[in-house]
Amino acid sequence: MNDTAYTDAELAELDRVTRRIDIDAPAARVWDLVVRPGWYINDGVVDPEPDLRHEDDVAVVRHGSAEFRFRTVELDEPRYAAFRWLTGRNQEGAKGSTLVEFWIDERPGGVTLRVVESGFSRLFDEQSAWVREREINDKGWVEELAAAKTFAEQTAAAAPRS
């Protein structure tokens, strides 16, 4: 991928990852998950009690020996949540941040959870580095949305009915 030449339009498209998944759970249950900064820092299974602390307005998630930082940008319950995934992703030369946005759209039987992560081109000066990071996250969002589905559906099934 290091030697691939892209058009400006292709680079603009590569600057973001867009994914979606249908979840058979109420919007409130999915909202409870997506408002947790960095819930997607895991090994393919959402941690019900993550190692999370706050440093002023930055949420810090510790996973293994790594720490990941997030700043809340906007919360519009129960439809939209946005976070800045800050640098410090244990990568040499990383700078800036990506914007991670979630939308929860109700549908019969549950919701559709959409995620857009954008701003990869601002993470590294070298194009091949940010394109590689984008590829990793593109694959990662498939796994993380599947984990969100499992978590939300299991917690919804376990919740007492009113």
N, C-alpha and C. Protein backbone atom coordinates (compact mmCIF):
# COMPACT_ATOMS: atom_id res chain seq x y z
N MET A 1 0.82 -1.19 0.00
CA MET A 1 0.00 0.00 0.00
C MET A 1 0.86 1.26 0.00
N ASN A 2 2.11 1.18 0.39
CA ASN A 2 2.97 2.34 0.49
C ASN A 2 3.17 3.06 -0.83
N ASP A 3 3.18 2.35 -1.94
CA ASP A 3 3.47 2.95 -3.23
C ASP A 3 2.22 3.24 -4.06
N THR A 4 1.05 3.08 -3.48
CA THR A 4 -0.19 3.29 -4.22
C THR A 4 -0.42 4.78 -4.42
N ALA A 5 -0.77 5.15 -5.64
CA ALA A 5 -1.11 6.53 -5.96
C ALA A 5 -2.63 6.66 -6.00
N TYR A 6 -3.15 7.67 -5.35
CA TYR A 6 -4.59 7.91 -5.28
C TYR A 6 -4.93 9.24 -5.91
N THR A 7 -6.13 9.33 -6.46
CA THR A 7 -6.64 10.61 -6.92
C THR A 7 -7.10 11.40 -5.69
N ASP A 8 -7.33 12.69 -5.86
CA ASP A 8 -7.83 13.51 -4.75
C ASP A 8 -9.18 12.99 -4.26
N ALA A 9 -10.03 12.56 -5.19
CA ALA A 9 -11.35 12.03 -4.79
C ALA A 9 -11.20 10.74 -3.98
N GLU A 10 -10.28 9.88 -4.39
CA GLU A 10 -10.04 8.64 -3.65
C GLU A 10 -9.49 8.94 -2.26
N LEU A 11 -8.59 9.90 -2.15
CA LEU A 11 -8.04 10.27 -0.85
C LEU A 11 -9.13 10.83 0.06
N ALA A 12 -10.02 11.64 -0.51
CA ALA A 12 -11.12 12.20 0.29
C ALA A 12 -12.00 11.08 0.83
N GLU A 13 -12.27 10.07 0.01
CA GLU A 13 -13.07 8.92 0.45
C GLU A 13 -12.33 8.10 1.49
N LEU A 14 -11.02 7.96 1.34
CA LEU A 14 -10.23 7.19 2.29
C LEU A 14 -10.08 7.90 3.64
N ASP A 15 -10.43 9.16 3.71
CA ASP A 15 -10.28 9.92 4.95
C ASP A 15 -11.35 9.56 5.98
N ARG A 16 -12.24 8.65 5.64
CA ARG A 16 -13.31 8.28 6.56
C ARG A 16 -13.65 6.81 6.45
N VAL A 17 -14.20 6.28 7.52
CA VAL A 17 -14.74 4.92 7.57
C VAL A 17 -16.21 5.05 7.92
N THR A 18 -17.05 4.36 7.19
CA THR A 18 -18.49 4.37 7.46
C THR A 18 -18.95 2.93 7.57
N ARG A 19 -19.63 2.62 8.66
CA ARG A 19 -20.15 1.27 8.90
C ARG A 19 -21.51 1.38 9.57
N ARG A 20 -22.29 0.28 9.49
CA ARG A 20 -23.61 0.23 10.13
C ARG A 20 -23.95 -1.20 10.47
N ILE A 21 -24.85 -1.34 11.46
CA ILE A 21 -25.32 -2.67 11.85
C ILE A 21 -26.70 -2.52 12.45
N ASP A 22 -27.55 -3.51 12.19
CA ASP A 22 -28.86 -3.56 12.83
C ASP A 22 -28.72 -4.28 14.16
N ILE A 23 -29.34 -3.71 15.19
CA ILE A 23 -29.29 -4.26 16.54
C ILE A 23 -30.72 -4.42 17.04
N ASP A 24 -31.05 -5.61 17.48
CA ASP A 24 -32.39 -5.89 18.00
C ASP A 24 -32.45 -5.57 19.48
N ALA A 25 -32.39 -4.29 19.78
CA ALA A 25 -32.44 -3.79 21.15
C ALA A 25 -33.00 -2.37 21.10
N PRO A 26 -33.55 -1.91 22.21
CA PRO A 26 -34.10 -0.54 22.23
C PRO A 26 -33.00 0.52 22.09
N ALA A 27 -33.39 1.66 21.56
CA ALA A 27 -32.45 2.77 21.37
C ALA A 27 -31.77 3.15 22.69
N ALA A 28 -32.50 3.14 23.78
CA ALA A 28 -31.92 3.52 25.07
C ALA A 28 -30.79 2.58 25.48
N ARG A 29 -30.92 1.31 25.19
CA ARG A 29 -29.88 0.33 25.54
C ARG A 29 -28.63 0.57 24.70
N VAL A 30 -28.82 0.84 23.42
CA VAL A 30 -27.68 1.12 22.54
C VAL A 30 -27.05 2.46 22.92
N TRP A 31 -27.87 3.42 23.27
CA TRP A 31 -27.36 4.72 23.71
C TRP A 31 -26.46 4.56 24.93
N ASP A 32 -26.89 3.75 25.89
CA ASP A 32 -26.07 3.53 27.10
C ASP A 32 -24.67 3.05 26.75
N LEU A 33 -24.56 2.30 25.67
CA LEU A 33 -23.25 1.83 25.24
C LEU A 33 -22.47 2.92 24.51
N VAL A 34 -23.06 3.53 23.49
CA VAL A 34 -22.28 4.44 22.64
C VAL A 34 -21.83 5.71 23.36
N VAL A 35 -22.47 6.08 24.46
CA VAL A 35 -22.03 7.29 25.17
C VAL A 35 -20.83 7.01 26.06
N ARG A 36 -20.43 5.76 26.17
CA ARG A 36 -19.22 5.42 26.92
C ARG A 36 -18.02 5.67 26.03
N PRO A 37 -17.20 6.68 26.34
CA PRO A 37 -16.05 6.94 25.48
C PRO A 37 -15.17 5.70 25.35
N GLY A 38 -14.84 5.37 24.12
CA GLY A 38 -13.91 4.26 23.88
C GLY A 38 -14.44 2.88 24.17
N TRP A 39 -15.75 2.68 24.17
CA TRP A 39 -16.31 1.34 24.42
C TRP A 39 -15.76 0.33 23.43
N TYR A 40 -15.27 0.80 22.31
CA TYR A 40 -14.77 -0.06 21.24
C TYR A 40 -13.29 -0.40 21.40
N ILE A 41 -12.71 -0.05 22.53
CA ILE A 41 -11.34 -0.48 22.83
C ILE A 41 -11.47 -1.80 23.60
N ASN A 42 -11.29 -2.90 22.90
CA ASN A 42 -11.47 -4.21 23.51
C ASN A 42 -10.88 -5.27 22.59
N ASP A 43 -11.09 -6.49 22.94
CA ASP A 43 -10.60 -7.62 22.12
C ASP A 43 -11.76 -8.32 21.42
N GLY A 44 -12.72 -7.55 20.94
CA GLY A 44 -13.85 -8.11 20.21
C GLY A 44 -15.06 -8.40 21.07
N VAL A 45 -14.97 -8.10 22.37
CA VAL A 45 -16.09 -8.26 23.29
C VAL A 45 -16.15 -6.99 24.14
N VAL A 46 -17.31 -6.34 24.17
CA VAL A 46 -17.45 -5.11 24.95
C VAL A 46 -17.27 -5.44 26.43
N ASP A 47 -16.42 -4.68 27.08
CA ASP A 47 -16.16 -4.84 28.50
C ASP A 47 -17.25 -4.12 29.28
N PRO A 48 -18.04 -4.84 30.10
CA PRO A 48 -19.10 -4.17 30.85
C PRO A 48 -18.56 -3.20 31.90
N GLU A 49 -17.31 -3.38 32.33
CA GLU A 49 -16.69 -2.49 33.31
C GLU A 49 -15.27 -2.15 32.86
N PRO A 50 -15.15 -1.25 31.89
CA PRO A 50 -13.82 -0.92 31.36
C PRO A 50 -12.99 -0.15 32.38
N ASP A 51 -11.70 -0.16 32.17
CA ASP A 51 -10.77 0.63 32.99
C ASP A 51 -10.81 2.04 32.43
N LEU A 52 -11.66 2.89 33.00
CA LEU A 52 -11.94 4.22 32.48
C LEU A 52 -11.75 5.25 33.58
N ARG A 53 -11.01 6.30 33.27
CA ARG A 53 -10.88 7.41 34.20
C ARG A 53 -10.98 8.72 33.41
N HIS A 54 -11.15 9.81 34.13
CA HIS A 54 -11.27 11.12 33.48
C HIS A 54 -10.15 12.04 33.96
N GLU A 55 -9.54 12.72 33.02
CA GLU A 55 -8.54 13.75 33.29
C GLU A 55 -9.08 15.04 32.70
N ASP A 56 -9.66 15.87 33.55
CA ASP A 56 -10.37 17.06 33.11
C ASP A 56 -11.47 16.65 32.13
N ASP A 57 -11.42 17.15 30.90
CA ASP A 57 -12.48 16.83 29.94
C ASP A 57 -12.11 15.68 29.00
N VAL A 58 -11.09 14.91 29.37
CA VAL A 58 -10.64 13.80 28.54
C VAL A 58 -10.89 12.48 29.27
N ALA A 59 -11.56 11.55 28.59
CA ALA A 59 -11.75 10.21 29.12
C ALA A 59 -10.57 9.36 28.69
N VAL A 60 -10.01 8.60 29.62
CA VAL A 60 -8.86 7.76 29.34
C VAL A 60 -9.25 6.31 29.57
N VAL A 61 -9.15 5.51 28.52
CA VAL A 61 -9.45 4.08 28.60
C VAL A 61 -8.14 3.32 28.57
N ARG A 62 -7.94 2.49 29.57
CA ARG A 62 -6.75 1.65 29.62
C ARG A 62 -7.17 0.25 29.17
N HIS A 63 -6.40 -0.27 28.21
CA HIS A 63 -6.64 -1.63 27.72
C HIS A 63 -5.28 -2.29 27.60
N GLY A 64 -5.06 -3.30 28.41
CA GLY A 64 -3.74 -3.91 28.45
C GLY A 64 -2.75 -2.88 28.97
N SER A 65 -1.67 -2.70 28.27
CA SER A 65 -0.68 -1.71 28.68
C SER A 65 -0.84 -0.37 27.96
N ALA A 66 -1.87 -0.25 27.14
CA ALA A 66 -2.06 0.97 26.35
C ALA A 66 -3.17 1.84 26.94
N GLU A 67 -3.06 3.14 26.71
CA GLU A 67 -4.11 4.08 27.09
C GLU A 67 -4.60 4.81 25.85
N PHE A 68 -5.91 5.04 25.81
CA PHE A 68 -6.56 5.70 24.68
C PHE A 68 -7.35 6.87 25.24
N ARG A 69 -7.30 8.01 24.55
CA ARG A 69 -7.93 9.23 25.04
C ARG A 69 -9.04 9.70 24.11
N PHE A 70 -10.12 10.17 24.77
CA PHE A 70 -11.31 10.61 24.03
C PHE A 70 -11.86 11.88 24.66
N ARG A 71 -12.31 12.77 23.81
CA ARG A 71 -12.99 13.98 24.27
C ARG A 71 -14.40 13.97 23.68
N THR A 72 -15.39 14.16 24.52
CA THR A 72 -16.78 14.22 24.05
C THR A 72 -16.97 15.52 23.29
N VAL A 73 -17.55 15.39 22.10
CA VAL A 73 -17.82 16.55 21.24
C VAL A 73 -19.28 16.95 21.36
N GLU A 74 -20.17 15.97 21.24
CA GLU A 74 -21.60 16.28 21.28
C GLU A 74 -22.38 15.02 21.66
N LEU A 75 -23.42 15.22 22.48
CA LEU A 75 -24.35 14.14 22.82
C LEU A 75 -25.76 14.66 22.60
N ASP A 76 -26.54 13.94 21.80
CA ASP A 76 -27.93 14.29 21.53
C ASP A 76 -28.75 13.01 21.76
N GLU A 77 -29.08 12.76 23.02
CA GLU A 77 -29.76 11.52 23.41
C GLU A 77 -31.11 11.40 22.74
N PRO A 78 -31.48 10.26 22.25
CA PRO A 78 -30.73 9.02 22.06
C PRO A 78 -30.31 8.81 20.62
N ARG A 79 -30.01 9.89 19.90
CA ARG A 79 -29.80 9.77 18.46
C ARG A 79 -28.36 9.89 18.00
N TYR A 80 -27.55 10.73 18.67
CA TYR A 80 -26.25 11.08 18.11
C TYR A 80 -25.23 11.29 19.22
N ALA A 81 -24.04 10.74 19.02
CA ALA A 81 -22.93 10.96 19.94
C ALA A 81 -21.66 11.12 19.11
N ALA A 82 -20.82 12.07 19.50
CA ALA A 82 -19.57 12.31 18.78
C ALA A 82 -18.43 12.50 19.76
N PHE A 83 -17.29 11.90 19.42
CA PHE A 83 -16.10 11.95 20.25
C PHE A 83 -14.88 12.21 19.38
N ARG A 84 -13.88 12.86 19.96
CA ARG A 84 -12.57 12.99 19.34
C ARG A 84 -11.71 11.89 19.93
N TRP A 85 -11.13 11.05 19.04
CA TRP A 85 -10.18 10.02 19.45
C TRP A 85 -8.82 10.68 19.31
N LEU A 86 -8.25 11.07 20.43
CA LEU A 86 -7.05 11.90 20.46
C LEU A 86 -5.79 11.09 20.18
N THR A 87 -4.70 11.79 19.88
CA THR A 87 -3.43 11.12 19.64
C THR A 87 -3.00 10.39 20.91
N GLY A 88 -1.89 9.72 20.81
CA GLY A 88 -1.44 8.92 21.94
C GLY A 88 -1.90 7.49 21.75
N ARG A 89 -2.09 7.10 20.51
CA ARG A 89 -2.56 5.76 20.21
C ARG A 89 -1.36 4.81 20.10
N ASN A 90 -0.30 5.14 20.85
CA ASN A 90 0.90 4.31 20.90
C ASN A 90 1.54 4.14 19.54
N GLN A 91 1.52 5.20 18.74
CA GLN A 91 2.10 5.12 17.41
C GLN A 91 3.09 6.26 17.22
N GLU A 92 4.24 5.90 16.76
CA GLU A 92 5.29 6.88 16.49
C GLU A 92 4.81 7.86 15.42
N GLY A 93 4.92 9.14 15.71
CA GLY A 93 4.60 10.16 14.72
C GLY A 93 3.13 10.54 14.63
N ALA A 94 2.26 9.92 15.45
CA ALA A 94 0.83 10.25 15.38
C ALA A 94 0.60 11.65 15.90
N LYS A 95 -0.35 12.34 15.30
CA LYS A 95 -0.73 13.68 15.73
C LYS A 95 -2.22 13.84 15.46
N GLY A 96 -2.81 14.88 15.98
CA GLY A 96 -4.20 15.16 15.69
C GLY A 96 -5.16 14.16 16.30
N SER A 97 -6.30 14.00 15.65
CA SER A 97 -7.34 13.13 16.16
C SER A 97 -8.29 12.76 15.03
N THR A 98 -9.07 11.73 15.28
CA THR A 98 -10.18 11.44 14.38
C THR A 98 -11.47 11.78 15.10
N LEU A 99 -12.50 12.04 14.33
CA LEU A 99 -13.84 12.28 14.87
C LEU A 99 -14.62 10.99 14.71
N VAL A 100 -15.15 10.47 15.81
CA VAL A 100 -15.94 9.24 15.79
C VAL A 100 -17.37 9.64 16.11
N GLU A 101 -18.28 9.42 15.15
CA GLU A 101 -19.68 9.81 15.29
C GLU A 101 -20.56 8.57 15.23
N PHE A 102 -21.56 8.54 16.10
CA PHE A 102 -22.53 7.44 16.12
C PHE A 102 -23.93 8.01 15.94
N TRP A 103 -24.72 7.33 15.13
CA TRP A 103 -26.13 7.64 14.97
C TRP A 103 -26.93 6.40 15.32
N ILE A 104 -28.01 6.58 16.05
CA ILE A 104 -28.92 5.50 16.41
C ILE A 104 -30.25 5.82 15.75
N ASP A 105 -30.63 4.99 14.79
CA ASP A 105 -31.87 5.19 14.04
C ASP A 105 -32.82 4.06 14.38
N GLU A 106 -34.00 4.40 14.91
CA GLU A 106 -34.98 3.37 15.25
C GLU A 106 -35.53 2.73 13.98
N ARG A 107 -35.82 1.43 14.11
CA ARG A 107 -36.43 0.65 13.04
C ARG A 107 -37.29 -0.40 13.72
N PRO A 108 -38.21 -1.02 13.00
CA PRO A 108 -39.03 -2.06 13.63
C PRO A 108 -38.15 -3.16 14.23
N GLY A 109 -38.35 -3.43 15.51
CA GLY A 109 -37.61 -4.49 16.18
C GLY A 109 -36.29 -4.06 16.78
N GLY A 110 -35.92 -2.79 16.64
CA GLY A 110 -34.66 -2.35 17.21
C GLY A 110 -34.16 -1.07 16.59
N VAL A 111 -32.84 -1.03 16.37
CA VAL A 111 -32.21 0.18 15.83
C VAL A 111 -31.16 -0.20 14.79
N THR A 112 -30.78 0.79 14.01
CA THR A 112 -29.59 0.69 13.18
C THR A 112 -28.56 1.62 13.81
N LEU A 113 -27.40 1.07 14.11
CA LEU A 113 -26.30 1.85 14.66
C LEU A 113 -25.33 2.14 13.51
N ARG A 114 -25.07 3.43 13.28
CA ARG A 114 -24.13 3.84 12.26
C ARG A 114 -22.94 4.51 12.92
N VAL A 115 -21.77 4.30 12.36
CA VAL A 115 -20.56 4.97 12.82
C VAL A 115 -19.83 5.54 11.62
N VAL A 116 -19.30 6.73 11.81
CA VAL A 116 -18.40 7.35 10.84
C VAL A 116 -17.18 7.83 11.63
N GLU A 117 -16.02 7.36 11.23
CA GLU A 117 -14.78 7.87 11.80
C GLU A 117 -14.07 8.62 10.68
N SER A 118 -13.73 9.87 10.92
CA SER A 118 -13.14 10.69 9.87
C SER A 118 -11.94 11.46 10.40
N GLY A 119 -11.12 11.93 9.46
CA GLY A 119 -9.96 12.74 9.80
C GLY A 119 -8.65 11.98 9.80
N PHE A 120 -8.61 10.83 9.16
CA PHE A 120 -7.38 10.03 9.13
C PHE A 120 -6.21 10.77 8.52
N SER A 121 -6.48 11.61 7.52
CA SER A 121 -5.39 12.29 6.82
C SER A 121 -4.64 13.27 7.71
N ARG A 122 -5.23 13.63 8.85
CA ARG A 122 -4.57 14.55 9.76
C ARG A 122 -3.77 13.82 10.85
N LEU A 123 -3.80 12.49 10.85
CA LEU A 123 -3.11 11.73 11.89
C LEU A 123 -1.60 11.67 11.68
N PHE A 124 -1.17 11.59 10.43
CA PHE A 124 0.24 11.44 10.10
C PHE A 124 0.56 12.32 8.91
N ASP A 125 1.79 12.80 8.84
CA ASP A 125 2.21 13.56 7.67
C ASP A 125 2.35 12.65 6.45
N GLU A 126 2.80 11.44 6.67
CA GLU A 126 3.02 10.49 5.57
C GLU A 126 1.71 9.81 5.17
N GLN A 127 1.35 9.94 3.90
CA GLN A 127 0.08 9.38 3.40
C GLN A 127 -0.04 7.89 3.68
N SER A 128 1.01 7.12 3.44
CA SER A 128 0.92 5.67 3.63
C SER A 128 0.61 5.32 5.08
N ALA A 129 1.07 6.13 6.03
CA ALA A 129 0.82 5.86 7.45
C ALA A 129 -0.65 6.05 7.80
N TRP A 130 -1.26 7.15 7.33
CA TRP A 130 -2.66 7.36 7.68
C TRP A 130 -3.58 6.43 6.89
N VAL A 131 -3.22 6.08 5.67
CA VAL A 131 -4.02 5.12 4.91
C VAL A 131 -3.98 3.76 5.60
N ARG A 132 -2.84 3.37 6.10
CA ARG A 132 -2.70 2.10 6.83
C ARG A 132 -3.56 2.12 8.11
N GLU A 133 -3.52 3.24 8.83
CA GLU A 133 -4.35 3.38 10.04
C GLU A 133 -5.83 3.28 9.70
N ARG A 134 -6.21 3.90 8.61
CA ARG A 134 -7.61 3.85 8.17
C ARG A 134 -8.01 2.41 7.84
N GLU A 135 -7.15 1.67 7.17
CA GLU A 135 -7.44 0.26 6.84
C GLU A 135 -7.65 -0.57 8.10
N ILE A 136 -6.81 -0.35 9.10
CA ILE A 136 -6.94 -1.07 10.37
C ILE A 136 -8.28 -0.76 11.01
N ASN A 137 -8.64 0.51 11.06
CA ASN A 137 -9.90 0.89 11.69
C ASN A 137 -11.11 0.47 10.87
N ASP A 138 -10.99 0.46 9.55
CA ASP A 138 -12.09 -0.01 8.70
C ASP A 138 -12.44 -1.45 9.06
N LYS A 139 -11.44 -2.30 9.17
CA LYS A 139 -11.67 -3.69 9.57
C LYS A 139 -12.13 -3.76 11.02
N GLY A 140 -11.55 -2.92 11.86
CA GLY A 140 -11.91 -2.93 13.28
C GLY A 140 -13.36 -2.58 13.54
N TRP A 141 -13.92 -1.65 12.77
CA TRP A 141 -15.32 -1.26 13.00
C TRP A 141 -16.27 -2.40 12.70
N VAL A 142 -15.93 -3.27 11.77
CA VAL A 142 -16.78 -4.45 11.52
C VAL A 142 -16.86 -5.29 12.80
N GLU A 143 -15.71 -5.54 13.40
CA GLU A 143 -15.65 -6.33 14.63
C GLU A 143 -16.32 -5.61 15.79
N GLU A 144 -16.08 -4.33 15.92
CA GLU A 144 -16.63 -3.59 17.06
C GLU A 144 -18.14 -3.42 16.98
N LEU A 145 -18.68 -3.23 15.79
CA LEU A 145 -20.13 -3.14 15.67
C LEU A 145 -20.78 -4.49 15.97
N ALA A 146 -20.13 -5.57 15.57
CA ALA A 146 -20.64 -6.90 15.94
C ALA A 146 -20.61 -7.08 17.45
N ALA A 147 -19.57 -6.59 18.10
CA ALA A 147 -19.48 -6.67 19.56
C ALA A 147 -20.58 -5.81 20.20
N ALA A 148 -20.85 -4.64 19.64
CA ALA A 148 -21.91 -3.78 20.15
C ALA A 148 -23.27 -4.47 20.04
N LYS A 149 -23.50 -5.11 18.91
CA LYS A 149 -24.75 -5.84 18.70
C LYS A 149 -24.92 -6.92 19.75
N THR A 150 -23.90 -7.74 19.94
CA THR A 150 -23.96 -8.81 20.93
C THR A 150 -24.21 -8.25 22.33
N PHE A 151 -23.45 -7.23 22.70
CA PHE A 151 -23.58 -6.63 24.03
C PHE A 151 -24.98 -6.05 24.25
N ALA A 152 -25.45 -5.24 23.31
CA ALA A 152 -26.75 -4.58 23.47
C ALA A 152 -27.89 -5.59 23.47
N GLU A 153 -27.82 -6.58 22.59
CA GLU A 153 -28.89 -7.58 22.54
C GLU A 153 -28.89 -8.45 23.78
N GLN A 154 -27.72 -8.81 24.29
CA GLN A 154 -27.66 -9.62 25.51
C GLN A 154 -28.13 -8.83 26.72
N THR A 155 -27.72 -7.57 26.84
CA THR A 155 -28.16 -6.78 27.98
C THR A 155 -29.64 -6.44 27.89
N ALA A 156 -30.15 -6.28 26.67
CA ALA A 156 -31.59 -6.04 26.50
C ALA A 156 -32.38 -7.27 26.90
N ALA A 157 -31.88 -8.46 26.53
CA ALA A 157 -32.58 -9.71 26.87
C ALA A 157 -32.55 -9.96 28.37
N ALA A 158 -31.48 -9.50 29.04
CA ALA A 158 -31.35 -9.72 30.48
C ALA A 158 -32.13 -8.69 31.30
N ALA A 159 -32.52 -7.58 30.68
CA ALA A 159 -33.21 -6.52 31.40
C ALA A 159 -34.61 -6.97 31.78
N PRO A 160 -35.06 -6.60 32.99
CA PRO A 160 -36.41 -6.96 33.39
C PRO A 160 -37.44 -6.24 32.52
N ARG A 161 -38.49 -6.93 32.20
CA ARG A 161 -39.58 -6.33 31.40
C ARG A 161 -40.50 -5.57 32.32
N SER A 162 -40.97 -4.41 31.83
CA SER A 162 -41.89 -3.62 32.65
C SER A 162 -43.32 -3.78 32.19
